[in-house]
Amino acid sequence: MIDLVPAIDVIEGKCVRLTQGDYGSRKIYNESPLEVAKQFQDAGITRLHMVDLDGAKAGHVVNYRILEKVASHTNLSIDFGGGLKSDDDLRIAFDCGAQMVTGGSIAVKNNGLFLEWINRYGSEHIILGADAKDGKIAINGWEEGTAIDLMPFVKGYHSKGISKVICTDISRDGMLQGPAVKLYQEMLQEMPGIYIIASGGVSSMRDIEQLAEAGIPAVIFGKAIYEGHIQLKEIEMFITRKS
């Protein structure tokens, strides 16, 4: 069964969503990320993807108190990302209740430190963030492009122990036009056994079912549920049916 991982993106302590990573497009959906997280848990969700967008911009963890509050008041397994650039950032994230952390910019800019994290904490706790636009990796909250090709980037880390990767097609993020199913299938063919977490473009439960049928292990979704294209009741029924 595909793992359902709703996203909570945090700016100034509030639950927001961006479109294609544009901070100017931010829309506040709830003043309380904890309230949103509890709704997900009540629907049968067990995983949560939390992104500190302030941290991604600042280059260090900012909204760790929100992480701590959600982790201490729910049973959700949280993967946390955004602004993780140092050992201190990682320690703060784990101390505040993250089960996993996602490193994207750090994996590009400080390969040695990221590999050290994998060896120190284990691949079950470190997720590679591979966010791409037109096949090229983008970093620092997607505000900075690179010349790094997506597939070799992921394959390089997979060969060095990474087993989980969040792959976001930035052009689809927040657009509600469907996920990049073919891209994820190609990645599975190139790297059998890798745990791909699809991200970007999910617009309906049908999209999630399509990813499941394609053998994609997990999917992150956000805007679709916040704007009512996916209902919590639908998620509850999907989980019940698949379990």
Protein backbone atom coordinates (compact mmCIF):
# COMPACT_ATOMS: atom_id res chain seq x y z
CA MET A 1 0.00 0.00 0.00
CA ILE A 2 1.21 3.49 -0.81
CA ASP A 3 2.06 5.59 2.25
CA LEU A 4 0.01 8.80 2.47
CA VAL A 5 2.06 11.73 3.75
CA PRO A 6 0.23 15.05 4.02
CA ALA A 7 2.39 18.16 4.14
CA ILE A 8 2.35 21.03 6.58
CA ASP A 9 4.46 23.96 5.38
CA VAL A 10 5.17 26.53 8.07
CA ILE A 11 5.78 30.28 7.78
CA GLU A 12 5.68 32.43 10.93
CA GLY A 13 4.15 29.50 12.81
CA LYS A 14 1.20 29.17 10.44
CA CYS A 15 0.14 26.44 8.02
CA VAL A 16 0.63 27.78 4.48
CA ARG A 17 1.09 26.61 0.89
CA LEU A 18 3.15 28.09 -1.90
CA THR A 19 2.78 27.63 -5.65
CA GLN A 20 5.93 26.39 -7.41
CA GLY A 21 7.97 27.46 -4.40
CA ASP A 22 7.15 31.15 -4.82
CA TYR A 23 7.11 32.79 -1.38
CA GLY A 24 5.07 35.64 -2.84
CA SER A 25 2.25 33.18 -3.58
CA ARG A 26 1.86 32.01 0.01
CA LYS A 27 -1.65 31.36 1.23
CA ILE A 28 -2.45 30.81 4.90
CA TYR A 29 -4.76 27.84 5.45
CA ASN A 30 -4.72 27.58 9.22
CA GLU A 31 -3.21 29.54 12.09
CA SER A 32 -2.57 26.27 13.95
CA PRO A 33 -0.44 23.51 12.35
CA LEU A 34 -1.24 21.35 15.39
CA GLU A 35 -4.97 21.53 14.66
CA VAL A 36 -4.32 20.44 11.07
CA ALA A 37 -2.04 17.60 12.20
CA LYS A 38 -4.69 16.30 14.59
CA GLN A 39 -7.25 16.26 11.77
CA PHE A 40 -4.87 14.15 9.69
CA GLN A 41 -4.30 11.76 12.58
CA ASP A 42 -8.05 11.41 13.17
CA ALA A 43 -8.45 10.37 9.52
CA GLY A 44 -6.01 7.48 10.00
CA ILE A 45 -2.85 9.18 8.76
CA THR A 46 0.34 8.06 10.52
CA ARG A 47 2.98 10.14 8.67
CA LEU A 48 3.54 13.86 8.27
CA HIS A 49 5.91 15.93 6.14
CA MET A 50 6.67 19.26 7.81
CA VAL A 51 8.66 21.97 6.06
CA ASP A 52 10.08 25.00 7.84
CA LEU A 53 9.87 27.51 4.98
CA ASP A 54 11.28 30.28 7.15
CA GLY A 55 14.19 27.98 7.90
CA ALA A 56 14.72 27.17 4.23
CA LYS A 57 15.06 30.87 3.51
CA ALA A 58 17.15 31.70 6.59
CA GLY A 59 19.58 28.81 6.23
CA HIS A 60 18.91 27.43 9.71
CA VAL A 61 15.96 25.88 11.57
CA VAL A 62 13.41 28.50 12.67
CA ASN A 63 10.02 26.89 13.41
CA TYR A 64 11.29 24.10 15.68
CA ARG A 65 8.74 24.94 18.38
CA ILE A 66 5.94 24.09 15.96
CA LEU A 67 7.60 20.74 15.28
CA GLU A 68 7.90 20.14 19.02
CA LYS A 69 4.26 20.99 19.62
CA VAL A 70 2.96 18.68 16.85
CA ALA A 71 5.31 15.84 17.84
CA SER A 72 4.35 16.03 21.52
CA HIS A 73 0.59 16.26 20.95
CA THR A 74 0.14 13.64 18.20
CA ASN A 75 1.40 10.15 17.41
CA LEU A 76 2.40 11.12 13.87
CA SER A 77 5.78 10.08 12.53
CA ILE A 78 7.18 13.39 11.31
CA ASP A 79 9.80 14.00 8.69
CA PHE A 80 11.11 17.52 8.98
CA GLY A 81 12.92 19.71 6.46
CA GLY A 82 13.84 23.29 5.76
CA GLY A 83 17.01 25.04 6.90
CA LEU A 84 18.92 21.94 8.00
CA LYS A 85 22.48 23.10 7.37
CA SER A 86 24.46 22.08 10.46
CA ASP A 87 24.83 19.43 13.15
CA ASP A 88 23.03 21.81 15.54
CA ASP A 89 20.05 22.08 13.17
CA LEU A 90 19.84 18.30 12.98
CA ARG A 91 20.10 17.92 16.75
CA ILE A 92 17.32 20.49 17.25
CA ALA A 93 15.05 18.67 14.77
CA PHE A 94 15.52 15.28 16.43
CA ASP A 95 15.32 16.71 19.96
CA CYS A 96 12.02 18.38 19.02
CA GLY A 97 10.48 15.10 17.90
CA ALA A 98 11.29 14.53 14.23
CA GLN A 99 11.57 10.84 13.36
CA MET A 100 13.25 11.67 10.05
CA VAL A 101 14.83 14.74 8.49
CA THR A 102 15.02 15.77 4.86
CA GLY A 103 18.18 17.33 3.47
CA GLY A 104 18.13 19.00 0.06
CA SER A 105 20.38 22.06 -0.12
CA ILE A 106 22.88 20.50 2.30
CA ALA A 107 23.19 17.45 0.04
CA VAL A 108 24.26 19.76 -2.78
CA LYS A 109 26.43 22.25 -0.90
CA ASN A 110 28.04 20.04 1.74
CA ASN A 111 28.22 16.50 0.42
CA GLY A 112 30.63 15.40 3.15
CA LEU A 113 28.41 16.52 6.03
CA PHE A 114 25.29 14.96 4.49
CA LEU A 115 27.08 11.62 4.04
CA GLU A 116 28.24 11.87 7.66
CA TRP A 117 24.61 12.29 8.75
CA ILE A 118 23.61 9.17 6.81
CA ASN A 119 26.38 7.17 8.50
CA ARG A 120 25.69 8.61 11.95
CA TYR A 121 21.89 8.40 12.07
CA GLY A 122 21.17 5.66 9.51
CA SER A 123 19.35 5.83 6.20
CA GLU A 124 16.01 5.19 7.94
CA HIS A 125 16.27 8.64 9.54
CA ILE A 126 17.81 10.71 6.72
CA ILE A 127 15.80 11.49 3.57
CA LEU A 128 17.32 13.00 0.45
CA GLY A 129 15.38 15.98 -0.87
CA ALA A 130 15.67 16.01 -4.66
CA ASP A 131 13.63 18.93 -5.95
CA ALA A 132 13.94 19.60 -9.66
CA LYS A 133 12.77 21.97 -12.34
CA ASP A 134 13.29 20.98 -15.98
CA GLY A 135 15.38 18.05 -14.77
CA LYS A 136 17.82 20.22 -12.75
CA ILE A 137 18.13 20.30 -8.96
CA ALA A 138 16.95 23.47 -7.19
CA ILE A 139 17.91 24.42 -3.63
CA ASN A 140 17.40 26.97 -0.83
CA GLY A 141 13.63 26.86 -0.82
CA TRP A 142 13.76 26.44 -4.64
CA GLU A 143 15.01 29.99 -5.00
CA GLU A 144 18.38 28.87 -6.39
CA GLY A 145 18.79 26.73 -9.48
CA THR A 146 21.78 24.48 -10.22
CA ALA A 147 23.23 22.69 -13.25
CA ILE A 148 22.96 19.32 -11.45
CA ASP A 149 20.92 16.68 -13.26
CA LEU A 150 18.27 14.99 -11.10
CA MET A 151 18.85 11.32 -11.93
CA PRO A 152 22.66 11.18 -11.46
CA PHE A 153 22.26 13.21 -8.25
CA VAL A 154 19.85 10.68 -6.73
CA LYS A 155 21.78 7.66 -8.05
CA GLY A 156 24.98 8.99 -6.51
CA TYR A 157 23.45 9.17 -3.05
CA HIS A 158 21.60 5.87 -3.47
CA SER A 159 24.94 4.19 -4.11
CA LYS A 160 26.23 5.71 -0.86
CA GLY A 161 23.44 4.48 1.36
CA ILE A 162 20.40 6.72 0.90
CA SER A 163 17.24 4.63 0.71
CA LYS A 164 14.52 7.31 0.91
CA VAL A 165 14.14 10.26 -1.46
CA ILE A 166 11.49 12.95 -1.73
CA CYS A 167 11.36 13.94 -5.37
CA THR A 168 9.41 17.09 -6.18
CA ASP A 169 8.70 18.20 -9.72
CA ILE A 170 8.67 21.93 -8.97
CA SER A 171 6.79 22.79 -12.16
CA ARG A 172 3.86 20.74 -10.86
CA ASP A 173 3.96 21.85 -7.23
CA GLY A 174 0.73 23.54 -6.18
CA MET A 175 -0.64 23.38 -9.73
CA LEU A 176 -3.08 20.49 -9.11
CA GLN A 177 -2.30 19.08 -12.57
CA GLY A 178 -1.23 15.58 -11.63
CA PRO A 179 2.07 14.07 -10.42
CA ALA A 180 5.10 13.12 -12.55
CA VAL A 181 4.29 9.39 -12.60
CA LYS A 182 6.62 8.56 -15.52
CA LEU A 183 9.56 10.24 -13.82
CA TYR A 184 9.04 8.20 -10.65
CA GLN A 185 8.70 4.99 -12.65
CA GLU A 186 11.99 5.76 -14.41
CA MET A 187 13.67 6.30 -11.05
CA LEU A 188 12.39 2.96 -9.78
CA GLN A 189 13.69 1.24 -12.90
CA GLU A 190 17.10 2.89 -12.51
CA MET A 191 17.26 2.25 -8.75
CA PRO A 192 15.24 -0.84 -7.80
CA GLY A 193 14.25 -0.87 -4.15
CA ILE A 194 14.58 2.87 -3.54
CA TYR A 195 11.78 4.37 -1.45
CA ILE A 196 10.50 7.21 -3.61
CA ILE A 197 8.20 9.75 -2.01
CA ALA A 198 6.37 11.46 -4.86
CA SER A 199 5.67 15.16 -4.38
CA GLY A 200 4.02 17.85 -6.46
CA GLY A 201 0.89 18.02 -8.56
CA VAL A 202 -1.47 15.71 -6.67
CA SER A 203 -4.99 16.94 -7.37
CA SER A 204 -7.29 14.07 -6.36
CA MET A 205 -7.50 10.60 -4.86
CA ARG A 206 -7.33 9.29 -8.42
CA ASP A 207 -3.80 10.71 -8.68
CA ILE A 208 -2.85 8.88 -5.50
CA GLU A 209 -4.39 5.66 -6.82
CA GLN A 210 -2.44 6.09 -10.06
CA LEU A 211 0.82 6.41 -8.14
CA ALA A 212 -0.08 3.34 -6.09
CA GLU A 213 -0.82 1.36 -9.26
CA ALA A 214 2.58 2.43 -10.63
CA GLY A 215 4.27 0.96 -7.55
CA ILE A 216 5.37 4.28 -6.02
CA PRO A 217 5.93 3.66 -2.28
CA ALA A 218 4.74 7.01 -0.87
CA VAL A 219 3.16 10.33 -1.81
CA ILE A 220 3.17 13.81 -0.29
CA PHE A 221 0.16 16.03 -0.90
CA GLY A 222 -0.86 19.41 0.42
CA LYS A 223 -2.79 21.92 -1.63
CA ALA A 224 -5.29 19.31 -2.84
CA ILE A 225 -6.50 18.63 0.67
CA TYR A 226 -6.37 22.26 1.84
CA GLU A 227 -8.47 23.39 -1.12
CA GLY A 228 -10.99 20.56 -0.83
CA HIS A 229 -10.02 18.52 -3.89
CA ILE A 230 -9.31 15.65 -1.51
CA GLN A 231 -11.54 15.17 1.51
CA LEU A 232 -10.39 13.72 4.82
CA LYS A 233 -13.23 11.21 4.53
CA GLU A 234 -11.80 9.99 1.21
CA ILE A 235 -8.42 9.46 2.84
CA GLU A 236 -10.02 7.56 5.70
CA MET A 237 -11.88 5.30 3.25
CA PHE A 238 -8.74 4.74 1.15
CA ILE A 239 -6.71 3.72 4.23
CA THR A 240 -9.49 1.43 5.47
CA ARG A 241 -9.88 -0.18 2.06
CA LYS A 242 -6.16 -0.80 1.59
CA SER A 243 -5.42 -2.02 5.10
